Amino acid sequence: MLYWALVFFVVALVAGAFGFGGIAAASSGIAQILFFLFLVLFAASLILGLVRRR
C-alpha cells in the first residue's frame, strides 16, 4: 500500500510539472489517503503484535 501511495505521489509531481492541475490534485489526494491508511494499518498491527506477546 505504501508503494501505491508513492506511485500516486510521483504521478502528482509529474502532472504538476507539466501543468495538469486537476490530475495532480487528484493523484495527490489519493496518495495522501493511501499513506494515512498505511499508517493506521501499521499502528494497528504493531499494537496487536504487542498485545499478543503478553
PDB file of N, CA and C in Angstrom:
ATOM      1  N   MET A   1       0.821  -1.183   0.000  1.00  0.00           N
ATOM      2  CA  MET A   1       0.000   0.000   0.000  1.00  0.00           C
ATOM      3  C   MET A   1       0.873   1.258   0.000  1.00  0.00           C
ATOM      4  N   LEU A   2       1.975   1.199   0.715  1.00  0.00           N
ATOM      5  CA  LEU A   2       2.890   2.338   0.704  1.00  0.00           C
ATOM      6  C   LEU A   2       3.464   2.540  -0.697  1.00  0.00           C
ATOM      7  N   TYR A   3       3.653   1.450  -1.417  1.00  0.00           N
ATOM      8  CA  TYR A   3       4.136   1.525  -2.799  1.00  0.00           C
ATOM      9  C   TYR A   3       3.167   2.341  -3.659  1.00  0.00           C
ATOM     10  N   TRP A   4       1.864   2.066  -3.518  1.00  0.00           N
ATOM     11  CA  TRP A   4       0.874   2.777  -4.322  1.00  0.00           C
ATOM     12  C   TRP A   4       0.801   4.248  -3.935  1.00  0.00           C
ATOM     13  N   ALA A   5       0.976   4.544  -2.660  1.00  0.00           N
ATOM     14  CA  ALA A   5       0.994   5.943  -2.237  1.00  0.00           C
ATOM     15  C   ALA A   5       2.158   6.679  -2.899  1.00  0.00           C
ATOM     16  N   LEU A   6       3.312   6.033  -2.962  1.00  0.00           N
ATOM     17  CA  LEU A   6       4.467   6.645  -3.619  1.00  0.00           C
ATOM     18  C   LEU A   6       4.254   6.798  -5.122  1.00  0.00           C
ATOM     19  N   VAL A   7       3.600   5.821  -5.732  1.00  0.00           N
ATOM     20  CA  VAL A   7       3.320   5.902  -7.174  1.00  0.00           C
ATOM     21  C   VAL A   7       2.408   7.089  -7.467  1.00  0.00           C
ATOM     22  N   PHE A   8       1.342   7.239  -6.687  1.00  0.00           N
ATOM     23  CA  PHE A   8       0.428   8.360  -6.921  1.00  0.00           C
ATOM     24  C   PHE A   8       1.104   9.693  -6.615  1.00  0.00           C
ATOM     25  N   PHE A   9       2.028   9.718  -5.647  1.00  0.00           N
ATOM     26  CA  PHE A   9       2.769  10.940  -5.346  1.00  0.00           C
ATOM     27  C   PHE A   9       3.643  11.335  -6.533  1.00  0.00           C
ATOM     28  N   VAL A  10       4.316  10.363  -7.137  1.00  0.00           N
ATOM     29  CA  VAL A  10       5.167  10.646  -8.292  1.00  0.00           C
ATOM     30  C   VAL A  10       4.317  11.101  -9.471  1.00  0.00           C
ATOM     31  N   VAL A  11       3.165  10.476  -9.673  1.00  0.00           N
ATOM     32  CA  VAL A  11       2.257  10.888 -10.746  1.00  0.00           C
ATOM     33  C   VAL A  11       1.803  12.332 -10.515  1.00  0.00           C
ATOM     34  N   ALA A  12       1.519  12.686  -9.263  1.00  0.00           N
ATOM     35  CA  ALA A  12       1.101  14.050  -8.947  1.00  0.00           C
ATOM     36  C   ALA A  12       2.228  15.041  -9.232  1.00  0.00           C
ATOM     37  N   LEU A  13       3.462  14.674  -8.897  1.00  0.00           N
ATOM     38  CA  LEU A  13       4.588  15.563  -9.173  1.00  0.00           C
ATOM     39  C   LEU A  13       4.800  15.773 -10.670  1.00  0.00           C
ATOM     40  N   VAL A  14       4.721  14.695 -11.424  1.00  0.00           N
ATOM     41  CA  VAL A  14       4.916  14.795 -12.881  1.00  0.00           C
ATOM     42  C   VAL A  14       3.780  15.593 -13.514  1.00  0.00           C
ATOM     43  N   ALA A  15       2.553  15.313 -13.095  1.00  0.00           N
ATOM     44  CA  ALA A  15       1.407  16.044 -13.656  1.00  0.00           C
ATOM     45  C   ALA A  15       1.474  17.522 -13.288  1.00  0.00           C
ATOM     46  N   GLY A  16       1.909  17.814 -12.073  1.00  0.00           N
ATOM     47  CA  GLY A  16       2.043  19.212 -11.671  1.00  0.00           C
ATOM     48  C   GLY A  16       3.127  19.930 -12.456  1.00  0.00           C
ATOM     49  N   ALA A  17       4.211  19.220 -12.750  1.00  0.00           N
ATOM     50  CA  ALA A  17       5.307  19.825 -13.513  1.00  0.00           C
ATOM     51  C   ALA A  17       4.885  20.153 -14.938  1.00  0.00           C
ATOM     52  N   PHE A  18       4.000  19.339 -15.504  1.00  0.00           N
ATOM     53  CA  PHE A  18       3.553  19.590 -16.871  1.00  0.00           C
ATOM     54  C   PHE A  18       2.312  20.474 -16.935  1.00  0.00           C
ATOM     55  N   GLY A  19       1.789  20.884 -15.780  1.00  0.00           N
ATOM     56  CA  GLY A  19       0.681  21.827 -15.774  1.00  0.00           C
ATOM     57  C   GLY A  19      -0.701  21.213 -15.767  1.00  0.00           C
ATOM     58  N   PHE A  20      -0.812  19.951 -15.478  1.00  0.00           N
ATOM     59  CA  PHE A  20      -2.125  19.313 -15.393  1.00  0.00           C
ATOM     60  C   PHE A  20      -2.598  19.388 -13.941  1.00  0.00           C
ATOM     61  N   GLY A  21      -3.197  20.496 -13.568  1.00  0.00           N
ATOM     62  CA  GLY A  21      -3.572  20.754 -12.176  1.00  0.00           C
ATOM     63  C   GLY A  21      -4.594  19.787 -11.619  1.00  0.00           C
ATOM     64  N   GLY A  22      -5.598  19.442 -12.405  1.00  0.00           N
ATOM     65  CA  GLY A  22      -6.648  18.548 -11.926  1.00  0.00           C
ATOM     66  C   GLY A  22      -6.135  17.152 -11.646  1.00  0.00           C
ATOM     67  N   ILE A  23      -5.314  16.638 -12.549  1.00  0.00           N
ATOM     68  CA  ILE A  23      -4.743  15.307 -12.375  1.00  0.00           C
ATOM     69  C   ILE A  23      -3.786  15.301 -11.192  1.00  0.00           C
ATOM     70  N   ALA A  24      -3.019  16.360 -11.049  1.00  0.00           N
ATOM     71  CA  ALA A  24      -2.067  16.448  -9.945  1.00  0.00           C
ATOM     72  C   ALA A  24      -2.795  16.484  -8.606  1.00  0.00           C
ATOM     73  N   ALA A  25      -3.873  17.233  -8.534  1.00  0.00           N
ATOM     74  CA  ALA A  25      -4.637  17.323  -7.283  1.00  0.00           C
ATOM     75  C   ALA A  25      -5.275  15.988  -6.933  1.00  0.00           C
ATOM     76  N   ALA A  26      -5.825  15.310  -7.925  1.00  0.00           N
ATOM     77  CA  ALA A  26      -6.461  14.012  -7.671  1.00  0.00           C
ATOM     78  C   ALA A  26      -5.429  12.982  -7.236  1.00  0.00           C
ATOM     79  N   SER A  27      -4.299  12.920  -7.911  1.00  0.00           N
ATOM     80  CA  SER A  27      -3.255  11.962  -7.552  1.00  0.00           C
ATOM     81  C   SER A  27      -2.680  12.260  -6.180  1.00  0.00           C
ATOM     82  N   SER A  28      -2.526  13.517  -5.865  1.00  0.00           N
ATOM     83  CA  SER A  28      -2.020  13.905  -4.555  1.00  0.00           C
ATOM     84  C   SER A  28      -3.001  13.495  -3.453  1.00  0.00           C
ATOM     85  N   GLY A  29      -4.265  13.678  -3.699  1.00  0.00           N
ATOM     86  CA  GLY A  29      -5.285  13.283  -2.721  1.00  0.00           C
ATOM     87  C   GLY A  29      -5.307  11.783  -2.490  1.00  0.00           C
ATOM     88  N   ILE A  30      -5.208  11.018  -3.565  1.00  0.00           N
ATOM     89  CA  ILE A  30      -5.186   9.558  -3.451  1.00  0.00           C
ATOM     90  C   ILE A  30      -3.948   9.104  -2.706  1.00  0.00           C
ATOM     91  N   ALA A  31      -2.806   9.699  -3.017  1.00  0.00           N
ATOM     92  CA  ALA A  31      -1.561   9.337  -2.333  1.00  0.00           C
ATOM     93  C   ALA A  31      -1.648   9.644  -0.844  1.00  0.00           C
ATOM     94  N   GLN A  32      -2.250  10.768  -0.503  1.00  0.00           N
ATOM     95  CA  GLN A  32      -2.376  11.139   0.901  1.00  0.00           C
ATOM     96  C   GLN A  32      -3.296  10.161   1.646  1.00  0.00           C
ATOM     97  N   ILE A  33      -4.404   9.791   1.053  1.00  0.00           N
ATOM     98  CA  ILE A  33      -5.332   8.847   1.674  1.00  0.00           C
ATOM     99  C   ILE A  33      -4.656   7.490   1.872  1.00  0.00           C
ATOM    100  N   LEU A  34      -3.961   7.002   0.849  1.00  0.00           N
ATOM    101  CA  LEU A  34      -3.292   5.710   0.963  1.00  0.00           C
ATOM    102  C   LEU A  34      -2.190   5.733   2.007  1.00  0.00           C
ATOM    103  N   PHE A  35      -1.465   6.837   2.103  1.00  0.00           N
ATOM    104  CA  PHE A  35      -0.393   6.935   3.091  1.00  0.00           C
ATOM    105  C   PHE A  35      -0.956   6.885   4.506  1.00  0.00           C
ATOM    106  N   PHE A  36      -2.017   7.637   4.775  1.00  0.00           N
ATOM    107  CA  PHE A  36      -2.594   7.628   6.116  1.00  0.00           C
ATOM    108  C   PHE A  36      -3.253   6.279   6.428  1.00  0.00           C
ATOM    109  N   LEU A  37      -3.836   5.637   5.427  1.00  0.00           N
ATOM    110  CA  LEU A  37      -4.386   4.306   5.632  1.00  0.00           C
ATOM    111  C   LEU A  37      -3.271   3.316   5.972  1.00  0.00           C
ATOM    112  N   PHE A  38      -2.129   3.448   5.307  1.00  0.00           N
ATOM    113  CA  PHE A  38      -0.977   2.614   5.612  1.00  0.00           C
ATOM    114  C   PHE A  38      -0.519   2.845   7.051  1.00  0.00           C
ATOM    115  N   LEU A  39      -0.466   4.089   7.480  1.00  0.00           N
ATOM    116  CA  LEU A  39      -0.044   4.391   8.851  1.00  0.00           C
ATOM    117  C   LEU A  39      -0.999   3.792   9.878  1.00  0.00           C
ATOM    118  N   VAL A  40      -2.294   3.876   9.635  1.00  0.00           N
ATOM    119  CA  VAL A  40      -3.279   3.312  10.560  1.00  0.00           C
ATOM    120  C   VAL A  40      -3.140   1.802  10.630  1.00  0.00           C
ATOM    121  N   LEU A  41      -3.002   1.142   9.487  1.00  0.00           N
ATOM    122  CA  LEU A  41      -2.854  -0.313   9.482  1.00  0.00           C
ATOM    123  C   LEU A  41      -1.546  -0.741  10.138  1.00  0.00           C
ATOM    124  N   PHE A  42      -0.481   0.026   9.942  1.00  0.00           N
ATOM    125  CA  PHE A  42       0.789  -0.284  10.578  1.00  0.00           C
ATOM    126  C   PHE A  42       0.679  -0.165  12.095  1.00  0.00           C
ATOM    127  N   ALA A  43       0.048   0.914  12.561  1.00  0.00           N
ATOM    128  CA  ALA A  43      -0.113   1.106  14.003  1.00  0.00           C
ATOM    129  C   ALA A  43      -0.980   0.007  14.604  1.00  0.00           C
ATOM    130  N   ALA A  44      -2.042  -0.373  13.911  1.00  0.00           N
ATOM    131  CA  ALA A  44      -2.919  -1.438  14.411  1.00  0.00           C
ATOM    132  C   ALA A  44      -2.176  -2.763  14.491  1.00  0.00           C
ATOM    133  N   SER A  45      -1.399  -3.098  13.488  1.00  0.00           N
ATOM    134  CA  SER A  45      -0.661  -4.358  13.526  1.00  0.00           C
ATOM    135  C   SER A  45       0.428  -4.334  14.584  1.00  0.00           C
ATOM    136  N   LEU A  46       1.029  -3.181  14.814  1.00  0.00           N
ATOM    137  CA  LEU A  46       2.038  -3.045  15.864  1.00  0.00           C
ATOM    138  C   LEU A  46       1.414  -3.245  17.244  1.00  0.00           C
ATOM    139  N   ILE A  47       0.278  -2.623  17.478  1.00  0.00           N
ATOM    140  CA  ILE A  47      -0.407  -2.756  18.766  1.00  0.00           C
ATOM    141  C   ILE A  47      -0.888  -4.188  18.974  1.00  0.00           C
ATOM    142  N   LEU A  48      -1.470  -4.797  17.956  1.00  0.00           N
ATOM    143  CA  LEU A  48      -1.934  -6.182  18.087  1.00  0.00           C
ATOM    144  C   LEU A  48      -0.772  -7.137  18.326  1.00  0.00           C
ATOM    145  N   GLY A  49       0.346  -6.869  17.709  1.00  0.00           N
ATOM    146  CA  GLY A  49       1.536  -7.704  17.920  1.00  0.00           C
ATOM    147  C   GLY A  49       2.036  -7.604  19.351  1.00  0.00           C
ATOM    148  N   LEU A  50       1.992  -6.409  19.919  1.00  0.00           N
ATOM    149  CA  LEU A  50       2.433  -6.231  21.308  1.00  0.00           C
ATOM    150  C   LEU A  50       1.467  -6.872  22.290  1.00  0.00           C
ATOM    151  N   VAL A  51       0.162  -6.800  22.002  1.00  0.00           N
ATOM    152  CA  VAL A  51      -0.834  -7.380  22.882  1.00  0.00           C
ATOM    153  C   VAL A  51      -0.756  -8.910  22.862  1.00  0.00           C
ATOM    154  N   ARG A  52      -0.514  -9.498  21.727  1.00  0.00           N
ATOM    155  CA  ARG A  52      -0.465 -10.956  21.605  1.00  0.00           C
ATOM    156  C   ARG A  52       0.776 -11.549  22.259  1.00  0.00           C
ATOM    157  N   ARG A  53       1.855 -10.790  22.378  1.00  0.00           N
ATOM    158  CA  ARG A  53       3.061 -11.299  23.010  1.00  0.00           C
ATOM    159  C   ARG A  53       2.865 -11.526  24.498  1.00  0.00           C
ATOM    160  N   ARG A  54       2.069 -10.724  25.134  1.00  0.00           N
ATOM    161  CA  ARG A  54       1.890 -10.796  26.583  1.00  0.00           C
ATOM    162  C   ARG A  54       0.990 -11.868  26.964  1.00  0.00           C
TER     163      ARG A  54
END
